Amino acid sequence: MPRKLKRVRKTSTRQTHVHEFTGSTKLAEQGAERHNHRFAGVTGQVIPCGKSHIHEIDLSRTDFFDHFHKLKRIRTGRAIPVGNGKHVHFVKGNTTLVDGHVHPFNFATLIQKPLV
């Protein structure tokens, strides 16, 4: 039987902007099993937050090292101005639990609209 999807109320019909991101997790496990993962993706659109905004990363997967992890429902911090009307966001969190461990991560998104 198909899974019923939860309806999401749109706050705006006007598209805003998104950010690309790329990063590496922190190391996990010990000895020969010690490893990290890489990941990349694109955030969701703007979520207003006070006089600023944040973005959500709905789902991104790490690369494969006999398993992979997900970055799931992670929210960025507020916009950090970097000059010329551009900004980035700081992101901190943990991957999903797989193979008995999680990986912490932190990274900054890339700027919005890099060619404009």
C-alpha atoms as a PDB file:
ATOM      1  CA  MET A   1       0.000   0.000   0.000  1.00  0.00           C
ATOM      2  CA  PRO A   2       1.501   3.405  -0.930  1.00  0.00           C
ATOM      3  CA  ARG A   3       2.726   5.523   1.945  1.00  0.00           C
ATOM      4  CA  LYS A   4       0.619   8.627   2.533  1.00  0.00           C
ATOM      5  CA  LEU A   5       2.704  11.774   2.112  1.00  0.00           C
ATOM      6  CA  LYS A   6       2.313  14.583   4.610  1.00  0.00           C
ATOM      7  CA  ARG A   7       1.086  17.814   3.034  1.00  0.00           C
ATOM      8  CA  VAL A   8       3.522  20.678   3.337  1.00  0.00           C
ATOM      9  CA  ARG A   9       2.153  24.203   3.436  1.00  0.00           C
ATOM     10  CA  LYS A  10       4.055  26.471   1.077  1.00  0.00           C
ATOM     11  CA  THR A  11       5.022  29.800   2.597  1.00  0.00           C
ATOM     12  CA  SER A  12       5.561  31.420  -0.793  1.00  0.00           C
ATOM     13  CA  THR A  13       5.036  30.598  -4.438  1.00  0.00           C
ATOM     14  CA  ARG A  14       7.995  32.797  -5.412  1.00  0.00           C
ATOM     15  CA  GLN A  15      11.274  30.934  -5.709  1.00  0.00           C
ATOM     16  CA  THR A  16      14.054  32.305  -3.546  1.00  0.00           C
ATOM     17  CA  HIS A  17      17.541  30.799  -3.550  1.00  0.00           C
ATOM     18  CA  VAL A  18      19.452  27.678  -2.554  1.00  0.00           C
ATOM     19  CA  HIS A  19      23.092  26.919  -1.694  1.00  0.00           C
ATOM     20  CA  GLU A  20      25.379  24.175  -2.888  1.00  0.00           C
ATOM     21  CA  PHE A  21      27.468  22.433  -0.249  1.00  0.00           C
ATOM     22  CA  THR A  22      30.277  19.929  -0.056  1.00  0.00           C
ATOM     23  CA  GLY A  23      32.173  18.533   2.891  1.00  0.00           C
ATOM     24  CA  SER A  24      33.724  15.664   4.800  1.00  0.00           C
ATOM     25  CA  THR A  25      32.626  14.069   8.037  1.00  0.00           C
ATOM     26  CA  LYS A  26      34.832  13.716  11.081  1.00  0.00           C
ATOM     27  CA  LEU A  27      36.542  10.361  11.639  1.00  0.00           C
ATOM     28  CA  ALA A  28      34.670   7.520  13.354  1.00  0.00           C
ATOM     29  CA  GLU A  29      35.609   4.088  14.707  1.00  0.00           C
ATOM     30  CA  GLN A  30      39.085   2.899  15.670  1.00  0.00           C
ATOM     31  CA  GLY A  31      41.977   0.917  14.141  1.00  0.00           C
ATOM     32  CA  ALA A  32      41.577  -0.480  10.623  1.00  0.00           C
ATOM     33  CA  GLU A  33      37.894   0.548  10.630  1.00  0.00           C
ATOM     34  CA  ARG A  34      38.662   4.253  11.264  1.00  0.00           C
ATOM     35  CA  HIS A  35      37.212   6.268   8.392  1.00  0.00           C
ATOM     36  CA  ASN A  36      35.294   9.318   7.257  1.00  0.00           C
ATOM     37  CA  HIS A  37      32.957  10.111   4.381  1.00  0.00           C
ATOM     38  CA  ARG A  38      32.462  12.874   1.809  1.00  0.00           C
ATOM     39  CA  PHE A  39      29.151  14.406   0.797  1.00  0.00           C
ATOM     40  CA  ALA A  40      27.672  17.094  -1.461  1.00  0.00           C
ATOM     41  CA  GLY A  41      24.269  18.497  -2.293  1.00  0.00           C
ATOM     42  CA  VAL A  42      21.964  21.479  -2.519  1.00  0.00           C
ATOM     43  CA  THR A  43      19.913  23.022   0.293  1.00  0.00           C
ATOM     44  CA  GLY A  44      16.215  23.723   0.156  1.00  0.00           C
ATOM     45  CA  GLN A  45      14.892  27.234  -0.395  1.00  0.00           C
ATOM     46  CA  VAL A  46      14.731  30.051   2.148  1.00  0.00           C
ATOM     47  CA  ILE A  47      12.972  29.545   5.485  1.00  0.00           C
ATOM     48  CA  PRO A  48      12.463  32.995   7.104  1.00  0.00           C
ATOM     49  CA  CYS A  49      14.001  33.249  10.568  1.00  0.00           C
ATOM     50  CA  GLY A  50      13.742  36.632  12.322  1.00  0.00           C
ATOM     51  CA  LYS A  51      15.504  39.254  10.200  1.00  0.00           C
ATOM     52  CA  SER A  52      17.484  36.527   8.440  1.00  0.00           C
ATOM     53  CA  HIS A  53      16.764  33.085   7.040  1.00  0.00           C
ATOM     54  CA  ILE A  54      17.913  29.473   7.187  1.00  0.00           C
ATOM     55  CA  HIS A  55      17.757  26.493   4.808  1.00  0.00           C
ATOM     56  CA  GLU A  56      16.975  22.816   5.301  1.00  0.00           C
ATOM     57  CA  ILE A  57      18.923  19.906   3.894  1.00  0.00           C
ATOM     58  CA  ASP A  58      16.171  17.355   3.381  1.00  0.00           C
ATOM     59  CA  LEU A  59      18.423  14.490   2.357  1.00  0.00           C
ATOM     60  CA  SER A  60      21.982  13.962   1.188  1.00  0.00           C
ATOM     61  CA  ARG A  61      24.019  10.763   1.242  1.00  0.00           C
ATOM     62  CA  THR A  62      27.689  10.292   1.976  1.00  0.00           C
ATOM     63  CA  ASP A  63      30.058   8.344  -0.237  1.00  0.00           C
ATOM     64  CA  PHE A  64      30.448   4.608   0.297  1.00  0.00           C
ATOM     65  CA  PHE A  65      32.922   2.858   2.649  1.00  0.00           C
ATOM     66  CA  ASP A  66      31.227  -0.576   2.907  1.00  0.00           C
ATOM     67  CA  HIS A  67      28.234   1.538   4.050  1.00  0.00           C
ATOM     68  CA  PHE A  68      26.913   5.074   3.666  1.00  0.00           C
ATOM     69  CA  HIS A  69      25.183   7.582   5.950  1.00  0.00           C
ATOM     70  CA  LYS A  70      22.543  10.245   5.387  1.00  0.00           C
ATOM     71  CA  LEU A  71      22.444  13.901   6.284  1.00  0.00           C
ATOM     72  CA  LYS A  72      18.750  14.137   6.985  1.00  0.00           C
ATOM     73  CA  ARG A  73      16.574  17.078   8.023  1.00  0.00           C
ATOM     74  CA  ILE A  74      19.520  19.268   8.944  1.00  0.00           C
ATOM     75  CA  ARG A  75      18.994  23.027   9.266  1.00  0.00           C
ATOM     76  CA  THR A  76      21.640  25.611   8.493  1.00  0.00           C
ATOM     77  CA  GLY A  77      22.444  28.551  10.706  1.00  0.00           C
ATOM     78  CA  ARG A  78      21.382  32.072   9.753  1.00  0.00           C
ATOM     79  CA  ALA A  79      22.935  33.916   6.797  1.00  0.00           C
ATOM     80  CA  ILE A  80      26.533  35.106   7.269  1.00  0.00           C
ATOM     81  CA  PRO A  81      27.342  38.086   4.973  1.00  0.00           C
ATOM     82  CA  VAL A  82      30.582  37.725   2.988  1.00  0.00           C
ATOM     83  CA  GLY A  83      30.449  40.977   0.958  1.00  0.00           C
ATOM     84  CA  ASN A  84      28.931  42.152  -2.332  1.00  0.00           C
ATOM     85  CA  GLY A  85      25.438  41.184  -1.125  1.00  0.00           C
ATOM     86  CA  LYS A  86      26.430  37.508  -0.876  1.00  0.00           C
ATOM     87  CA  HIS A  87      26.209  35.195   2.115  1.00  0.00           C
ATOM     88  CA  VAL A  88      26.903  31.653   3.319  1.00  0.00           C
ATOM     89  CA  HIS A  89      25.476  29.504   6.115  1.00  0.00           C
ATOM     90  CA  PHE A  90      27.252  27.440   8.770  1.00  0.00           C
ATOM     91  CA  VAL A  91      26.004  23.887   9.226  1.00  0.00           C
ATOM     92  CA  LYS A  92      26.732  21.527  12.120  1.00  0.00           C
ATOM     93  CA  GLY A  93      25.258  18.109  12.865  1.00  0.00           C
ATOM     94  CA  ASN A  94      25.619  14.332  12.792  1.00  0.00           C
ATOM     95  CA  THR A  95      24.969  11.746  10.120  1.00  0.00           C
ATOM     96  CA  THR A  96      22.422   8.988  10.617  1.00  0.00           C
ATOM     97  CA  LEU A  97      23.458   5.957  12.683  1.00  0.00           C
ATOM     98  CA  VAL A  98      24.747   3.159  10.438  1.00  0.00           C
ATOM     99  CA  ASP A  99      27.079   0.246  11.227  1.00  0.00           C
ATOM    100  CA  GLY A 100      26.996   1.195  14.924  1.00  0.00           C
ATOM    101  CA  HIS A 101      28.291   4.764  14.558  1.00  0.00           C
ATOM    102  CA  VAL A 102      27.532   8.316  13.464  1.00  0.00           C
ATOM    103  CA  HIS A 103      29.870  10.956  12.062  1.00  0.00           C
ATOM    104  CA  PRO A 104      29.837  14.562  13.255  1.00  0.00           C
ATOM    105  CA  PHE A 105      30.305  17.211  10.572  1.00  0.00           C
ATOM    106  CA  ASN A 106      30.515  20.968  10.170  1.00  0.00           C
ATOM    107  CA  PHE A 107      30.840  23.038   7.030  1.00  0.00           C
ATOM    108  CA  ALA A 108      29.887  26.312   5.373  1.00  0.00           C
ATOM    109  CA  THR A 109      27.649  26.368   2.318  1.00  0.00           C
ATOM    110  CA  LEU A 110      28.851  27.935  -0.896  1.00  0.00           C
ATOM    111  CA  ILE A 111      27.556  31.418  -1.737  1.00  0.00           C
ATOM    112  CA  GLN A 112      24.147  31.813  -3.304  1.00  0.00           C
ATOM    113  CA  LYS A 113      23.973  32.702  -7.032  1.00  0.00           C
ATOM    114  CA  PRO A 114      27.744  32.399  -7.637  1.00  0.00           C
ATOM    115  CA  LEU A 115      27.642  33.731 -11.228  1.00  0.00           C
ATOM    116  CA  VAL A 116      25.341  36.700 -10.597  1.00  0.00           C
END
